[in-house]
N, C-alpha and C. Protein backbone atom coordinates (compact mmCIF):
# COMPACT_ATOMS: atom_id res chain seq x y z
N MET A 1 0.84 -1.17 0.00
CA MET A 1 0.00 0.00 0.00
C MET A 1 0.89 1.23 0.00
N GLN A 2 0.56 2.20 -0.83
CA GLN A 2 1.34 3.42 -0.93
C GLN A 2 0.43 4.63 -0.76
N ALA A 3 1.00 5.69 -0.20
CA ALA A 3 0.26 6.94 -0.04
C ALA A 3 1.25 8.09 -0.11
N GLY A 4 0.79 9.20 -0.60
CA GLY A 4 1.61 10.41 -0.65
C GLY A 4 1.48 11.19 0.64
N LEU A 5 2.37 12.13 0.83
CA LEU A 5 2.33 12.95 2.05
C LEU A 5 1.03 13.75 2.15
N ALA A 6 0.56 14.27 1.05
CA ALA A 6 -0.68 15.07 1.07
C ALA A 6 -1.86 14.22 1.48
N GLU A 7 -1.91 12.97 1.01
CA GLU A 7 -3.01 12.08 1.38
C GLU A 7 -3.01 11.80 2.87
N ILE A 8 -1.83 11.61 3.45
CA ILE A 8 -1.74 11.34 4.88
C ILE A 8 -2.11 12.57 5.68
N GLN A 9 -1.70 13.75 5.21
CA GLN A 9 -2.05 14.98 5.91
C GLN A 9 -3.56 15.22 5.88
N LYS A 10 -4.20 14.88 4.79
CA LYS A 10 -5.65 15.06 4.68
C LYS A 10 -6.42 14.06 5.52
N ASN A 11 -5.90 12.85 5.62
CA ASN A 11 -6.61 11.78 6.31
C ASN A 11 -5.65 11.02 7.21
N ILE A 12 -5.42 11.52 8.42
CA ILE A 12 -4.48 10.91 9.35
C ILE A 12 -4.97 9.55 9.85
N ALA A 13 -6.24 9.26 9.67
CA ALA A 13 -6.80 7.97 10.09
C ALA A 13 -6.16 6.81 9.33
N ILE A 14 -5.54 7.11 8.21
CA ILE A 14 -4.82 6.06 7.47
C ILE A 14 -3.79 5.40 8.38
N LEU A 15 -3.09 6.20 9.18
CA LEU A 15 -2.04 5.66 10.04
C LEU A 15 -2.59 4.90 11.24
N THR A 16 -3.75 5.28 11.71
CA THR A 16 -4.28 4.62 12.91
C THR A 16 -4.99 3.32 12.59
N THR A 17 -5.33 3.09 11.33
CA THR A 17 -6.04 1.86 10.97
C THR A 17 -5.23 0.95 10.08
N LEU A 18 -3.93 1.02 10.16
CA LEU A 18 -3.07 0.19 9.31
C LEU A 18 -3.24 -1.29 9.62
N THR A 19 -3.31 -2.08 8.57
CA THR A 19 -3.31 -3.54 8.72
C THR A 19 -2.16 -4.16 7.94
N GLU A 20 -1.53 -3.37 7.09
CA GLU A 20 -0.39 -3.83 6.31
C GLU A 20 0.61 -2.67 6.21
N PRO A 21 1.86 -2.95 5.85
CA PRO A 21 2.84 -1.87 5.76
C PRO A 21 2.43 -0.81 4.74
N LEU A 22 2.74 0.43 5.06
CA LEU A 22 2.40 1.57 4.21
C LEU A 22 3.69 2.25 3.79
N GLN A 23 3.87 2.45 2.48
CA GLN A 23 5.03 3.17 1.98
C GLN A 23 4.61 4.61 1.69
N ILE A 24 5.35 5.55 2.26
CA ILE A 24 5.09 6.96 2.03
C ILE A 24 5.97 7.39 0.86
N VAL A 25 5.34 7.94 -0.16
CA VAL A 25 6.01 8.22 -1.42
C VAL A 25 6.02 9.71 -1.69
N ASP A 26 7.17 10.21 -2.15
CA ASP A 26 7.27 11.58 -2.65
C ASP A 26 6.92 11.49 -4.14
N LYS A 27 5.76 11.98 -4.50
CA LYS A 27 5.28 11.79 -5.87
C LYS A 27 6.03 12.63 -6.89
N ARG A 28 6.60 13.76 -6.48
CA ARG A 28 7.36 14.58 -7.42
C ARG A 28 8.66 13.89 -7.82
N ARG A 29 9.37 13.37 -6.82
CA ARG A 29 10.66 12.72 -7.08
C ARG A 29 10.52 11.23 -7.36
N LYS A 30 9.33 10.70 -7.12
CA LYS A 30 9.04 9.27 -7.31
C LYS A 30 10.00 8.40 -6.49
N GLN A 31 10.11 8.76 -5.21
CA GLN A 31 10.96 8.03 -4.28
C GLN A 31 10.16 7.63 -3.06
N ILE A 32 10.52 6.49 -2.49
CA ILE A 32 9.90 6.06 -1.24
C ILE A 32 10.62 6.77 -0.10
N ILE A 33 9.87 7.52 0.69
CA ILE A 33 10.45 8.29 1.79
C ILE A 33 10.57 7.43 3.04
N ALA A 34 9.50 6.69 3.35
CA ALA A 34 9.49 5.89 4.58
C ALA A 34 8.52 4.73 4.42
N THR A 35 8.69 3.75 5.28
CA THR A 35 7.76 2.63 5.37
C THR A 35 7.23 2.59 6.79
N VAL A 36 5.93 2.60 6.94
CA VAL A 36 5.29 2.59 8.25
C VAL A 36 4.61 1.24 8.42
N TYR A 37 4.92 0.58 9.53
CA TYR A 37 4.34 -0.72 9.81
C TYR A 37 3.26 -0.59 10.87
N PRO A 38 2.23 -1.43 10.80
CA PRO A 38 1.22 -1.39 11.86
C PRO A 38 1.82 -1.87 13.17
N ARG A 39 1.19 -1.52 14.26
CA ARG A 39 1.68 -1.95 15.58
C ARG A 39 1.68 -3.47 15.62
N LEU A 40 2.78 -4.02 16.08
CA LEU A 40 2.97 -5.47 16.02
C LEU A 40 2.67 -6.14 17.34
N ALA A 41 2.21 -7.36 17.26
CA ALA A 41 2.11 -8.20 18.45
C ALA A 41 3.51 -8.71 18.77
N ALA A 42 3.71 -9.21 19.96
CA ALA A 42 5.05 -9.64 20.41
C ALA A 42 5.62 -10.73 19.51
N HIS A 43 4.79 -11.68 19.07
CA HIS A 43 5.33 -12.77 18.26
C HIS A 43 5.82 -12.26 16.90
N ASN A 44 5.19 -11.24 16.34
CA ASN A 44 5.68 -10.68 15.09
C ASN A 44 6.98 -9.93 15.30
N ALA A 45 7.12 -9.27 16.44
CA ALA A 45 8.36 -8.56 16.74
C ALA A 45 9.51 -9.55 16.84
N GLN A 46 9.26 -10.70 17.45
CA GLN A 46 10.30 -11.73 17.54
C GLN A 46 10.70 -12.20 16.14
N ARG A 47 9.71 -12.39 15.27
CA ARG A 47 9.98 -12.87 13.92
C ARG A 47 10.78 -11.83 13.14
N LEU A 48 10.44 -10.56 13.30
CA LEU A 48 11.12 -9.50 12.56
C LEU A 48 12.49 -9.16 13.12
N ALA A 49 12.79 -9.60 14.33
CA ALA A 49 14.08 -9.28 14.95
C ALA A 49 15.23 -9.93 14.19
N GLY A 50 14.97 -11.03 13.51
CA GLY A 50 15.97 -11.66 12.67
C GLY A 50 17.18 -12.13 13.45
N LYS A 51 18.36 -11.77 12.97
CA LYS A 51 19.59 -12.26 13.58
C LYS A 51 19.84 -11.67 14.97
N TYR A 52 19.12 -10.59 15.33
CA TYR A 52 19.29 -9.97 16.63
C TYR A 52 18.32 -10.51 17.67
N ARG A 53 17.55 -11.51 17.32
CA ARG A 53 16.54 -12.09 18.20
C ARG A 53 17.16 -12.56 19.52
N GLN A 54 18.35 -13.11 19.47
CA GLN A 54 18.97 -13.64 20.69
C GLN A 54 19.50 -12.54 21.60
N ARG A 55 19.58 -11.32 21.13
CA ARG A 55 20.04 -10.21 21.97
C ARG A 55 18.95 -9.66 22.87
N ILE A 56 17.70 -10.05 22.64
CA ILE A 56 16.61 -9.60 23.50
C ILE A 56 16.74 -10.33 24.84
N PRO A 57 16.79 -9.61 25.96
CA PRO A 57 16.93 -10.28 27.27
C PRO A 57 15.79 -11.28 27.48
N THR A 58 16.12 -12.41 28.10
CA THR A 58 15.11 -13.46 28.29
C THR A 58 13.92 -12.97 29.12
N ALA A 59 14.15 -12.05 30.02
CA ALA A 59 13.05 -11.54 30.84
C ALA A 59 12.05 -10.74 30.00
N LEU A 60 12.49 -10.21 28.86
CA LEU A 60 11.62 -9.37 28.05
C LEU A 60 11.03 -10.10 26.84
N ARG A 61 11.42 -11.33 26.59
CA ARG A 61 10.96 -12.03 25.39
C ARG A 61 9.46 -12.28 25.38
N ALA A 62 8.87 -12.58 26.52
CA ALA A 62 7.44 -12.87 26.57
C ALA A 62 6.64 -11.68 27.09
N ALA A 63 7.30 -10.56 27.32
CA ALA A 63 6.63 -9.39 27.90
C ALA A 63 5.83 -8.65 26.84
N SER A 64 4.82 -7.93 27.28
CA SER A 64 4.02 -7.12 26.37
C SER A 64 4.77 -5.83 26.06
N PHE A 65 4.29 -5.12 25.07
CA PHE A 65 4.92 -3.86 24.67
C PHE A 65 4.94 -2.87 25.83
N GLU A 66 3.84 -2.79 26.58
CA GLU A 66 3.75 -1.84 27.68
C GLU A 66 4.78 -2.17 28.77
N GLU A 67 4.97 -3.44 29.06
CA GLU A 67 5.94 -3.84 30.08
C GLU A 67 7.35 -3.52 29.64
N VAL A 68 7.67 -3.77 28.39
CA VAL A 68 9.01 -3.48 27.87
C VAL A 68 9.25 -1.98 27.86
N ARG A 69 8.25 -1.22 27.47
CA ARG A 69 8.36 0.24 27.45
C ARG A 69 8.61 0.78 28.85
N GLU A 70 7.86 0.27 29.84
CA GLU A 70 8.03 0.72 31.21
C GLU A 70 9.42 0.37 31.73
N ALA A 71 9.90 -0.82 31.43
CA ALA A 71 11.25 -1.22 31.87
C ALA A 71 12.31 -0.32 31.25
N ALA A 72 12.15 0.03 29.98
CA ALA A 72 13.11 0.91 29.31
C ALA A 72 13.07 2.32 29.91
N LEU A 73 11.89 2.82 30.20
CA LEU A 73 11.77 4.14 30.81
C LEU A 73 12.40 4.17 32.20
N LEU A 74 12.16 3.12 32.99
CA LEU A 74 12.76 3.06 34.32
C LEU A 74 14.28 3.01 34.25
N ALA A 75 14.81 2.24 33.29
CA ALA A 75 16.27 2.15 33.13
C ALA A 75 16.84 3.50 32.72
N ALA A 76 16.17 4.20 31.82
CA ALA A 76 16.65 5.52 31.38
C ALA A 76 16.59 6.53 32.52
N MET A 77 15.51 6.50 33.29
CA MET A 77 15.38 7.44 34.40
C MET A 77 16.43 7.16 35.48
N LYS A 78 16.69 5.87 35.73
CA LYS A 78 17.69 5.53 36.73
C LYS A 78 19.07 5.99 36.27
N GLU A 79 19.38 5.80 34.99
CA GLU A 79 20.67 6.22 34.46
C GLU A 79 20.82 7.73 34.52
N LYS A 80 19.75 8.44 34.26
CA LYS A 80 19.83 9.89 34.21
C LYS A 80 19.84 10.54 35.59
N TYR A 81 19.01 10.01 36.52
CA TYR A 81 18.82 10.68 37.80
C TYR A 81 19.39 9.97 39.02
N ASP A 82 19.90 8.76 38.84
CA ASP A 82 20.43 8.03 39.98
C ASP A 82 21.73 8.69 40.44
N VAL A 83 21.82 8.98 41.74
CA VAL A 83 22.98 9.65 42.29
C VAL A 83 23.88 8.60 42.92
N ALA A 84 25.11 8.52 42.47
CA ALA A 84 26.07 7.57 43.04
C ALA A 84 26.67 8.18 44.29
N ASN A 85 26.64 7.43 45.38
CA ASN A 85 27.19 7.93 46.65
C ASN A 85 28.58 7.39 46.87
């Protein structure tokens, strides 16, 4: 599925109802600018990880997106604000 930037600007619902990958095309230059994928379930993320699949920590392999996001935010906050005594 392909769409131009103007089409997406006119109808942003295209992005919220994706069921297949969408290629954003610059129609003047006839180039693909970006590819937008629909939100994935965990099993699809594992499949798409490819050769880096084994780098995912075992504690996060079966976790939901929200759990992984929260763990990443906590790690970032700890790194940024944790005071070493």
